[in-house]
Amino acid sequence: MASAPGSSLPVWFLPGLAVGMVSDSEMEGPGVIPANVCLTPPIITQQHAVHVLTKTPAYPQWSVQHLITAHGASMFLPALDLFLHEHMPQNNISHGPQDHFDVFQQVIIIAPLDPWVSESPRQWHVRATPEVCPGHGQKPGSPTKFDMALVSNGIQTHMLEGVQVAQVHVIFTLPYQFGTYSQALAYIKWFTPFREPDPSSGLHQVSHLTRQLHRNVAVIHVDEIAHPCHLIPKMGRSVDPRWTSANVYGLASNFYLNSFIDLDTFCITTIN
């Protein structure tokens, strides 16, 4: 188990199975952790959400250049520099394009029991997977999956207060030269704070958050990711023909938060 400085939210790594290790690909089921994997302590007793990663990364020792090209993390090093300056001010290790990082496909969030929503703990997946090109023969490829999530600032008091939408592009850990800092991290692209709900649909609205004409990005602790979410692009009177499921979050500018994607999101956004 690892926890962020000043944070009470643990991150648990899945232990190995009897034969081999759990891999990210084995965690791809519909919101279900493999039955033969044990989590300790029992999740039902947790008072906070538990963030679960595989013990073995899907992409070990990926280069910074790979993160830039495959994960769209063009500002990875500047964002990491700001994170290290804030959380490891005594660190004198020089980091740069020569560094390599263990990268994970997803984090599973196991939420504590909420009798208003479910009779058992809920599990949510937040993915950060690059495009997979079709293989030889009939093996299909898959597009990028950089999921949207509600990110908490740790002082949430009520519903949407204290959370902001971000797109998760990389889930990773720091390399060994940074010492024993074992907390998992995420590289994200921010969206604006929520604006007033749309008068017609009642859905909250967000846009890309930019700084000096570039997307505003950050490196955060994985346990700041509170819940996955879904954005609906604001289409206007016509739909841009360039939009696809793989690029619409980059090409569109304005979005609605989909309150109806699941019961938890509905409760978060609509119940006062």
C-alpha atoms as a PDB file:
ATOM      1  CA  MET A   1       0.000   0.000   0.000  1.00  0.00           C
ATOM      2  CA  ALA A   2       1.116   3.563  -0.707  1.00  0.00           C
ATOM      3  CA  SER A   3      -0.347   6.927   0.177  1.00  0.00           C
ATOM      4  CA  ALA A   4       0.291  10.454  -0.892  1.00  0.00           C
ATOM      5  CA  PRO A   5       1.818  12.947   1.520  1.00  0.00           C
ATOM      6  CA  GLY A   6      -1.019  14.563   3.419  1.00  0.00           C
ATOM      7  CA  SER A   7      -3.539  12.111   1.959  1.00  0.00           C
ATOM      8  CA  SER A   8      -5.549   9.448   3.766  1.00  0.00           C
ATOM      9  CA  LEU A   9      -6.606   7.689   0.573  1.00  0.00           C
ATOM     10  CA  PRO A  10      -4.615   4.487  -0.006  1.00  0.00           C
ATOM     11  CA  VAL A  11      -3.493   3.038  -3.301  1.00  0.00           C
ATOM     12  CA  TRP A  12      -3.351  -0.759  -3.283  1.00  0.00           C
ATOM     13  CA  PHE A  13      -1.405  -2.856  -5.751  1.00  0.00           C
ATOM     14  CA  LEU A  14      -3.016  -6.130  -6.773  1.00  0.00           C
ATOM     15  CA  PRO A  15      -0.966  -9.051  -5.452  1.00  0.00           C
ATOM     16  CA  GLY A  16       0.200 -11.816  -7.752  1.00  0.00           C
ATOM     17  CA  LEU A  17      -1.991 -14.787  -8.583  1.00  0.00           C
ATOM     18  CA  ALA A  18      -0.983 -18.324  -7.750  1.00  0.00           C
ATOM     19  CA  VAL A  19       0.474 -18.615 -11.242  1.00  0.00           C
ATOM     20  CA  GLY A  20       2.044 -15.481 -12.735  1.00  0.00           C
ATOM     21  CA  MET A  21       1.011 -11.904 -12.063  1.00  0.00           C
ATOM     22  CA  VAL A  22      -2.190 -10.016 -12.716  1.00  0.00           C
ATOM     23  CA  SER A  23      -1.804  -7.911 -15.844  1.00  0.00           C
ATOM     24  CA  ASP A  24      -3.722  -4.846 -16.973  1.00  0.00           C
ATOM     25  CA  SER A  25      -5.276  -6.875 -19.772  1.00  0.00           C
ATOM     26  CA  GLU A  26      -6.723  -9.271 -17.207  1.00  0.00           C
ATOM     27  CA  MET A  27      -8.455  -6.368 -15.488  1.00  0.00           C
ATOM     28  CA  GLU A  28     -10.447  -5.370 -18.556  1.00  0.00           C
ATOM     29  CA  GLY A  29     -13.729  -7.001 -17.497  1.00  0.00           C
ATOM     30  CA  PRO A  30     -16.942  -4.998 -17.060  1.00  0.00           C
ATOM     31  CA  GLY A  31     -16.107  -3.387 -13.744  1.00  0.00           C
ATOM     32  CA  VAL A  32     -15.162  -6.641 -12.014  1.00  0.00           C
ATOM     33  CA  ILE A  33     -11.925  -7.500 -10.246  1.00  0.00           C
ATOM     34  CA  PRO A  34     -10.844 -11.116 -10.963  1.00  0.00           C
ATOM     35  CA  ALA A  35     -12.439 -13.454  -8.424  1.00  0.00           C
ATOM     36  CA  ASN A  36      -9.138 -15.128  -7.523  1.00  0.00           C
ATOM     37  CA  VAL A  37      -7.477 -11.879  -6.468  1.00  0.00           C
ATOM     38  CA  CYS A  38      -7.612 -10.873  -2.797  1.00  0.00           C
ATOM     39  CA  LEU A  39      -7.540  -7.321  -1.548  1.00  0.00           C
ATOM     40  CA  THR A  40      -6.552  -6.633   2.048  1.00  0.00           C
ATOM     41  CA  PRO A  41      -7.945  -5.189   4.193  1.00  0.00           C
ATOM     42  CA  PRO A  42     -11.494  -6.187   3.094  1.00  0.00           C
ATOM     43  CA  ILE A  43     -12.907  -3.457   0.894  1.00  0.00           C
ATOM     44  CA  ILE A  44     -16.274  -3.472   2.619  1.00  0.00           C
ATOM     45  CA  THR A  45     -14.725  -1.878   5.717  1.00  0.00           C
ATOM     46  CA  GLN A  46     -13.039   0.975   3.870  1.00  0.00           C
ATOM     47  CA  GLN A  47     -14.272   4.470   4.716  1.00  0.00           C
ATOM     48  CA  HIS A  48     -12.559   5.972   1.676  1.00  0.00           C
ATOM     49  CA  ALA A  49     -12.274   4.902  -1.933  1.00  0.00           C
ATOM     50  CA  VAL A  50      -9.461   2.443  -2.631  1.00  0.00           C
ATOM     51  CA  HIS A  51      -7.457   2.917  -5.835  1.00  0.00           C
ATOM     52  CA  VAL A  52      -6.128  -0.341  -7.250  1.00  0.00           C
ATOM     53  CA  LEU A  53      -3.289  -0.846  -9.738  1.00  0.00           C
ATOM     54  CA  THR A  54      -1.730  -4.010 -11.035  1.00  0.00           C
ATOM     55  CA  LYS A  55       1.540  -5.005  -9.406  1.00  0.00           C
ATOM     56  CA  THR A  56       3.135  -5.334 -12.844  1.00  0.00           C
ATOM     57  CA  PRO A  57       2.793  -2.357 -15.233  1.00  0.00           C
ATOM     58  CA  ALA A  58       1.409  -2.952 -18.722  1.00  0.00           C
ATOM     59  CA  TYR A  59       4.170  -0.795 -20.247  1.00  0.00           C
ATOM     60  CA  PRO A  60       7.380  -1.075 -18.209  1.00  0.00           C
ATOM     61  CA  GLN A  61      10.163   1.435 -18.733  1.00  0.00           C
ATOM     62  CA  TRP A  62       8.453   3.583 -21.361  1.00  0.00           C
ATOM     63  CA  SER A  63      10.448   6.537 -22.594  1.00  0.00           C
ATOM     64  CA  VAL A  64       9.359  10.159 -22.328  1.00  0.00           C
ATOM     65  CA  GLN A  65       9.198  10.309 -26.119  1.00  0.00           C
ATOM     66  CA  HIS A  66       6.774   7.378 -26.127  1.00  0.00           C
ATOM     67  CA  LEU A  67       4.562   9.171 -23.607  1.00  0.00           C
ATOM     68  CA  ILE A  68       4.568  12.245 -25.821  1.00  0.00           C
ATOM     69  CA  THR A  69       3.720  10.439 -29.055  1.00  0.00           C
ATOM     70  CA  ALA A  70       1.522   7.539 -27.880  1.00  0.00           C
ATOM     71  CA  HIS A  71      -0.235   9.201 -24.923  1.00  0.00           C
ATOM     72  CA  GLY A  72      -0.477  12.775 -26.167  1.00  0.00           C
ATOM     73  CA  ALA A  73       1.557  13.949 -23.156  1.00  0.00           C
ATOM     74  CA  SER A  74       3.453  16.731 -24.907  1.00  0.00           C
ATOM     75  CA  MET A  75       3.912  18.707 -21.670  1.00  0.00           C
ATOM     76  CA  PHE A  76       4.856  15.705 -19.530  1.00  0.00           C
ATOM     77  CA  LEU A  77       8.259  16.950 -18.385  1.00  0.00           C
ATOM     78  CA  PRO A  78       7.170  20.513 -17.454  1.00  0.00           C
ATOM     79  CA  ALA A  79       4.169  19.114 -15.567  1.00  0.00           C
ATOM     80  CA  LEU A  80       6.373  16.597 -13.751  1.00  0.00           C
ATOM     81  CA  ASP A  81       8.820  19.356 -12.870  1.00  0.00           C
ATOM     82  CA  LEU A  82       6.048  21.370 -11.193  1.00  0.00           C
ATOM     83  CA  PHE A  83       4.859  18.291  -9.304  1.00  0.00           C
ATOM     84  CA  LEU A  84       8.352  17.447  -8.022  1.00  0.00           C
ATOM     85  CA  HIS A  85       8.954  21.052  -6.999  1.00  0.00           C
ATOM     86  CA  GLU A  86       5.759  20.989  -4.893  1.00  0.00           C
ATOM     87  CA  HIS A  87       5.916  17.481  -3.429  1.00  0.00           C
ATOM     88  CA  MET A  88       9.653  16.695  -3.394  1.00  0.00           C
ATOM     89  CA  PRO A  89      11.320  20.084  -2.886  1.00  0.00           C
ATOM     90  CA  GLN A  90      14.503  18.475  -1.512  1.00  0.00           C
ATOM     91  CA  ASN A  91      14.921  16.312  -4.617  1.00  0.00           C
ATOM     92  CA  ASN A  92      18.115  17.149  -6.507  1.00  0.00           C
ATOM     93  CA  ILE A  93      17.763  14.464  -9.184  1.00  0.00           C
ATOM     94  CA  SER A  94      17.868  15.876 -12.689  1.00  0.00           C
ATOM     95  CA  HIS A  95      15.086  14.479 -14.843  1.00  0.00           C
ATOM     96  CA  GLY A  96      14.672  14.727 -18.583  1.00  0.00           C
ATOM     97  CA  PRO A  97      14.059  12.912 -21.876  1.00  0.00           C
ATOM     98  CA  GLN A  98      16.457  10.162 -20.821  1.00  0.00           C
ATOM     99  CA  ASP A  99      14.148   8.929 -18.043  1.00  0.00           C
ATOM    100  CA  HIS A 100      11.859   5.902 -18.324  1.00  0.00           C
ATOM    101  CA  PHE A 101       8.609   5.277 -16.436  1.00  0.00           C
ATOM    102  CA  ASP A 102       6.467   2.266 -15.580  1.00  0.00           C
ATOM    103  CA  VAL A 103       3.061   2.949 -17.120  1.00  0.00           C
ATOM    104  CA  PHE A 104      -0.291   1.335 -16.266  1.00  0.00           C
ATOM    105  CA  GLN A 105      -3.355   0.886 -18.456  1.00  0.00           C
ATOM    106  CA  GLN A 106      -5.922   1.784 -15.827  1.00  0.00           C
ATOM    107  CA  VAL A 107      -6.807   2.334 -12.206  1.00  0.00           C
ATOM    108  CA  ILE A 108      -9.779   0.647 -10.542  1.00  0.00           C
ATOM    109  CA  ILE A 109     -11.570   2.730  -7.923  1.00  0.00           C
ATOM    110  CA  ILE A 110     -13.429   0.741  -5.274  1.00  0.00           C
ATOM    111  CA  ALA A 111     -15.915   3.020  -3.561  1.00  0.00           C
ATOM    112  CA  PRO A 112     -17.178   2.491  -0.014  1.00  0.00           C
ATOM    113  CA  LEU A 113     -20.687   1.251   0.559  1.00  0.00           C
ATOM    114  CA  ASP A 114     -23.374   3.840  -0.145  1.00  0.00           C
ATOM    115  CA  PRO A 115     -26.843   2.487   0.682  1.00  0.00           C
ATOM    116  CA  TRP A 116     -28.480   5.257  -1.328  1.00  0.00           C
ATOM    117  CA  VAL A 117     -26.844   3.980  -4.520  1.00  0.00           C
ATOM    118  CA  SER A 118     -26.034   0.295  -4.079  1.00  0.00           C
ATOM    119  CA  GLU A 119     -26.132  -2.531  -1.546  1.00  0.00           C
ATOM    120  CA  SER A 120     -22.487  -3.384  -2.234  1.00  0.00           C
ATOM    121  CA  PRO A 121     -19.267  -1.433  -2.934  1.00  0.00           C
ATOM    122  CA  ARG A 122     -19.015  -0.121  -6.496  1.00  0.00           C
ATOM    123  CA  GLN A 123     -16.029  -0.436  -8.831  1.00  0.00           C
ATOM    124  CA  TRP A 124     -15.098   2.009 -11.549  1.00  0.00           C
ATOM    125  CA  HIS A 125     -12.387   1.829 -14.199  1.00  0.00           C
ATOM    126  CA  VAL A 126     -10.416   4.859 -15.394  1.00  0.00           C
ATOM    127  CA  ARG A 127      -8.304   3.971 -18.435  1.00  0.00           C
ATOM    128  CA  ALA A 128      -5.287   5.620 -20.059  1.00  0.00           C
ATOM    129  CA  THR A 129      -4.370   3.377 -22.989  1.00  0.00           C
ATOM    130  CA  PRO A 130      -2.692   4.360 -26.262  1.00  0.00           C
ATOM    131  CA  GLU A 131      -3.828   3.285 -29.705  1.00  0.00           C
ATOM    132  CA  VAL A 132      -3.157  -0.329 -30.612  1.00  0.00           C
ATOM    133  CA  CYS A 133      -2.565  -0.879 -34.321  1.00  0.00           C
ATOM    134  CA  PRO A 134      -4.066  -3.966 -35.984  1.00  0.00           C
ATOM    135  CA  GLY A 135      -1.801  -6.995 -35.749  1.00  0.00           C
ATOM    136  CA  HIS A 136      -0.932  -9.577 -38.337  1.00  0.00           C
ATOM    137  CA  GLY A 137      -3.820 -11.699 -39.553  1.00  0.00           C
ATOM    138  CA  GLN A 138      -7.218 -10.974 -38.038  1.00  0.00           C
ATOM    139  CA  LYS A 139      -6.094  -9.374 -34.767  1.00  0.00           C
ATOM    140  CA  PRO A 140      -7.974  -6.063 -34.514  1.00  0.00           C
ATOM    141  CA  GLY A 141      -6.544  -2.842 -33.197  1.00  0.00           C
ATOM    142  CA  SER A 142      -8.162  -0.411 -30.771  1.00  0.00           C
ATOM    143  CA  PRO A 143      -8.316   3.374 -30.494  1.00  0.00           C
ATOM    144  CA  THR A 144      -6.905   5.434 -27.653  1.00  0.00           C
ATOM    145  CA  LYS A 145      -8.858   5.341 -24.400  1.00  0.00           C
ATOM    146  CA  PHE A 146      -8.039   8.401 -22.324  1.00  0.00           C
ATOM    147  CA  ASP A 147     -10.974   8.502 -19.928  1.00  0.00           C
ATOM    148  CA  MET A 148     -12.592  11.535 -18.358  1.00  0.00           C
ATOM    149  CA  ALA A 149     -12.705  11.756 -14.586  1.00  0.00           C
ATOM    150  CA  LEU A 150     -13.775  13.985 -11.735  1.00  0.00           C
ATOM    151  CA  VAL A 151     -10.647  15.036  -9.857  1.00  0.00           C
ATOM    152  CA  SER A 152     -10.929  16.123  -6.222  1.00  0.00           C
ATOM    153  CA  ASN A 153      -8.894  18.830  -4.536  1.00  0.00           C
ATOM    154  CA  GLY A 154      -9.311  17.094  -1.175  1.00  0.00           C
ATOM    155  CA  ILE A 155     -11.673  19.659   0.325  1.00  0.00           C
ATOM    156  CA  GLN A 156     -14.922  18.648  -1.340  1.00  0.00           C
ATOM    157  CA  THR A 157     -17.847  19.704   0.802  1.00  0.00           C
ATOM    158  CA  HIS A 158     -20.922  18.998  -1.295  1.00  0.00           C
ATOM    159  CA  MET A 159     -21.663  17.366  -4.644  1.00  0.00           C
ATOM    160  CA  LEU A 160     -19.688  19.091  -7.444  1.00  0.00           C
ATOM    161  CA  GLU A 161     -17.881  21.474  -5.107  1.00  0.00           C
ATOM    162  CA  GLY A 162     -14.177  20.745  -5.019  1.00  0.00           C
ATOM    163  CA  VAL A 163     -14.085  18.553  -8.135  1.00  0.00           C
ATOM    164  CA  GLN A 164     -13.071  19.373 -11.685  1.00  0.00           C
ATOM    165  CA  VAL A 165     -13.130  17.395 -14.928  1.00  0.00           C
ATOM    166  CA  ALA A 166      -9.836  16.169 -16.372  1.00  0.00           C
ATOM    167  CA  GLN A 167      -8.813  13.729 -19.087  1.00  0.00           C
ATOM    168  CA  VAL A 168      -6.371  11.074 -17.863  1.00  0.00           C
ATOM    169  CA  HIS A 169      -3.561  10.427 -20.364  1.00  0.00           C
ATOM    170  CA  VAL A 170      -0.877   8.577 -18.370  1.00  0.00           C
ATOM    171  CA  ILE A 171      -0.952   6.510 -15.158  1.00  0.00           C
ATOM    172  CA  PHE A 172       2.604   5.921 -13.959  1.00  0.00           C
ATOM    173  CA  THR A 173       5.096   5.632 -11.120  1.00  0.00           C
ATOM    174  CA  LEU A 174       8.358   7.470 -10.613  1.00  0.00           C
ATOM    175  CA  PRO A 175      11.556   5.587 -11.532  1.00  0.00           C
ATOM    176  CA  TYR A 176      13.863   4.231  -8.840  1.00  0.00           C
ATOM    177  CA  GLN A 177      16.273   7.185  -8.947  1.00  0.00           C
ATOM    178  CA  PHE A 178      13.619   9.325  -7.238  1.00  0.00           C
ATOM    179  CA  GLY A 179      13.876   7.201  -4.099  1.00  0.00           C
ATOM    180  CA  THR A 180      11.038   5.525  -2.235  1.00  0.00           C
ATOM    181  CA  TYR A 181       8.193   7.715  -3.514  1.00  0.00           C
ATOM    182  CA  SER A 182       5.841   4.843  -4.310  1.00  0.00           C
ATOM    183  CA  GLN A 183       2.580   6.742  -4.804  1.00  0.00           C
ATOM    184  CA  ALA A 184       1.150   6.278  -8.301  1.00  0.00           C
ATOM    185  CA  LEU A 185       0.706   9.418 -10.397  1.00  0.00           C
ATOM    186  CA  ALA A 186      -1.367  10.550 -13.355  1.00  0.00           C
ATOM    187  CA  TYR A 187      -0.759  13.061 -16.133  1.00  0.00           C
ATOM    188  CA  ILE A 188      -4.010  14.886 -16.899  1.00  0.00           C
ATOM    189  CA  LYS A 189      -5.440  17.630 -19.081  1.00  0.00           C
ATOM    190  CA  TRP A 190      -7.766  19.983 -17.222  1.00  0.00           C
ATOM    191  CA  PHE A 191     -11.181  21.268 -18.200  1.00  0.00           C
ATOM    192  CA  THR A 192     -12.671  24.472 -16.810  1.00  0.00           C
ATOM    193  CA  PRO A 193     -14.594  24.561 -13.544  1.00  0.00           C
ATOM    194  CA  PHE A 194     -18.294  23.833 -13.984  1.00  0.00           C
ATOM    195  CA  ARG A 195     -20.404  26.624 -15.362  1.00  0.00           C
ATOM    196  CA  GLU A 196     -24.102  27.095 -14.723  1.00  0.00           C
ATOM    197  CA  PRO A 197     -26.249  24.255 -16.080  1.00  0.00           C
ATOM    198  CA  ASP A 198     -27.579  24.608 -19.602  1.00  0.00           C
ATOM    199  CA  PRO A 199     -31.121  26.048 -19.301  1.00  0.00           C
ATOM    200  CA  SER A 200     -32.562  23.531 -21.780  1.00  0.00           C
ATOM    201  CA  SER A 201     -30.932  20.266 -20.721  1.00  0.00           C
ATOM    202  CA  GLY A 202     -29.957  21.089 -17.143  1.00  0.00           C
ATOM    203  CA  LEU A 203     -26.481  19.638 -17.797  1.00  0.00           C
ATOM    204  CA  HIS A 204     -23.381  21.336 -16.408  1.00  0.00           C
ATOM    205  CA  GLN A 205     -20.996  22.792 -18.986  1.00  0.00           C
ATOM    206  CA  VAL A 206     -17.188  22.741 -19.275  1.00  0.00           C
ATOM    207  CA  SER A 207     -14.558  23.684 -21.859  1.00  0.00           C
ATOM    208  CA  HIS A 208     -10.865  23.030 -22.427  1.00  0.00           C
ATOM    209  CA  LEU A 209      -8.776  24.863 -19.842  1.00  0.00           C
ATOM    210  CA  THR A 210      -5.865  26.589 -21.565  1.00  0.00           C
ATOM    211  CA  ARG A 211      -2.824  28.623 -20.582  1.00  0.00           C
ATOM    212  CA  GLN A 212      -0.922  30.688 -23.137  1.00  0.00           C
ATOM    213  CA  LEU A 213      -2.871  28.971 -25.955  1.00  0.00           C
ATOM    214  CA  HIS A 214      -1.885  25.484 -24.723  1.00  0.00           C
ATOM    215  CA  ARG A 215      -3.921  22.938 -22.771  1.00  0.00           C
ATOM    216  CA  ASN A 216      -3.519  23.300 -19.023  1.00  0.00           C
ATOM    217  CA  VAL A 217      -2.001  20.034 -17.775  1.00  0.00           C
ATOM    218  CA  ALA A 218      -0.793  18.643 -14.463  1.00  0.00           C
ATOM    219  CA  VAL A 219       0.700  15.627 -12.739  1.00  0.00           C
ATOM    220  CA  ILE A 220      -1.440  14.562  -9.777  1.00  0.00           C
ATOM    221  CA  HIS A 221      -1.674  11.670  -7.308  1.00  0.00           C
ATOM    222  CA  VAL A 222      -3.850   8.854  -8.620  1.00  0.00           C
ATOM    223  CA  ASP A 223      -5.961   8.917  -5.462  1.00  0.00           C
ATOM    224  CA  GLU A 224      -7.144  12.414  -6.380  1.00  0.00           C
ATOM    225  CA  ILE A 225      -9.229  10.781  -9.131  1.00  0.00           C
ATOM    226  CA  ALA A 226     -12.638  10.556  -7.496  1.00  0.00           C
ATOM    227  CA  HIS A 227     -14.927   9.114 -10.169  1.00  0.00           C
ATOM    228  CA  PRO A 228     -14.994   8.495 -13.928  1.00  0.00           C
ATOM    229  CA  CYS A 229     -17.289  10.738 -15.938  1.00  0.00           C
ATOM    230  CA  HIS A 230     -18.515  11.242 -19.477  1.00  0.00           C
ATOM    231  CA  LEU A 231     -18.618  14.432 -21.531  1.00  0.00           C
ATOM    232  CA  ILE A 232     -20.983  15.114 -24.426  1.00  0.00           C
ATOM    233  CA  PRO A 233     -19.562  17.470 -27.071  1.00  0.00           C
ATOM    234  CA  LYS A 234     -21.651  20.576 -27.665  1.00  0.00           C
ATOM    235  CA  MET A 235     -22.575  20.276 -31.337  1.00  0.00           C
ATOM    236  CA  GLY A 236     -24.422  23.456 -32.213  1.00  0.00           C
ATOM    237  CA  ARG A 237     -26.470  23.462 -35.408  1.00  0.00           C
ATOM    238  CA  SER A 238     -24.175  21.054 -37.231  1.00  0.00           C
ATOM    239  CA  VAL A 239     -21.675  18.323 -36.414  1.00  0.00           C
ATOM    240  CA  ASP A 240     -18.039  18.702 -37.441  1.00  0.00           C
ATOM    241  CA  PRO A 241     -17.438  15.878 -39.966  1.00  0.00           C
ATOM    242  CA  ARG A 242     -13.893  15.444 -38.655  1.00  0.00           C
ATOM    243  CA  TRP A 243     -15.133  14.236 -35.274  1.00  0.00           C
ATOM    244  CA  THR A 244     -14.576  10.600 -34.367  1.00  0.00           C
ATOM    245  CA  SER A 245     -14.737   8.778 -31.042  1.00  0.00           C
ATOM    246  CA  ALA A 246     -10.937   8.913 -30.950  1.00  0.00           C
ATOM    247  CA  ASN A 247     -10.455  12.657 -31.564  1.00  0.00           C
ATOM    248  CA  VAL A 248     -13.649  14.451 -30.547  1.00  0.00           C
ATOM    249  CA  TYR A 249     -12.361  15.450 -27.100  1.00  0.00           C
ATOM    250  CA  GLY A 250      -9.447  17.204 -28.763  1.00  0.00           C
ATOM    251  CA  LEU A 251     -11.337  18.850 -31.635  1.00  0.00           C
ATOM    252  CA  ALA A 252     -14.493  19.985 -29.839  1.00  0.00           C
ATOM    253  CA  SER A 253     -14.246  22.969 -27.500  1.00  0.00           C
ATOM    254  CA  ASN A 254     -17.351  22.891 -25.310  1.00  0.00           C
ATOM    255  CA  PHE A 255     -18.975  19.971 -23.514  1.00  0.00           C
ATOM    256  CA  TYR A 256     -21.825  18.894 -21.275  1.00  0.00           C
ATOM    257  CA  LEU A 257     -21.248  16.672 -18.254  1.00  0.00           C
ATOM    258  CA  ASN A 258     -23.443  13.619 -18.832  1.00  0.00           C
ATOM    259  CA  SER A 259     -25.443  13.316 -15.611  1.00  0.00           C
ATOM    260  CA  PHE A 260     -27.263  10.215 -16.832  1.00  0.00           C
ATOM    261  CA  ILE A 261     -24.286   7.944 -17.545  1.00  0.00           C
ATOM    262  CA  ASP A 262     -24.687   6.144 -14.194  1.00  0.00           C
ATOM    263  CA  LEU A 263     -26.541   6.452 -10.911  1.00  0.00           C
ATOM    264  CA  ASP A 264     -23.536   7.810  -8.986  1.00  0.00           C
ATOM    265  CA  THR A 265     -23.013  10.670 -11.443  1.00  0.00           C
ATOM    266  CA  PHE A 266     -26.729  11.431 -11.392  1.00  0.00           C
ATOM    267  CA  CYS A 267     -26.685  11.690  -7.608  1.00  0.00           C
ATOM    268  CA  ILE A 268     -23.542  13.816  -7.602  1.00  0.00           C
ATOM    269  CA  THR A 269     -24.903  16.316 -10.118  1.00  0.00           C
ATOM    270  CA  THR A 270     -28.611  16.533  -9.402  1.00  0.00           C
ATOM    271  CA  ILE A 271     -29.391  15.790  -5.752  1.00  0.00           C
ATOM    272  CA  ASN A 272     -29.110  18.820  -3.498  1.00  0.00           C
END
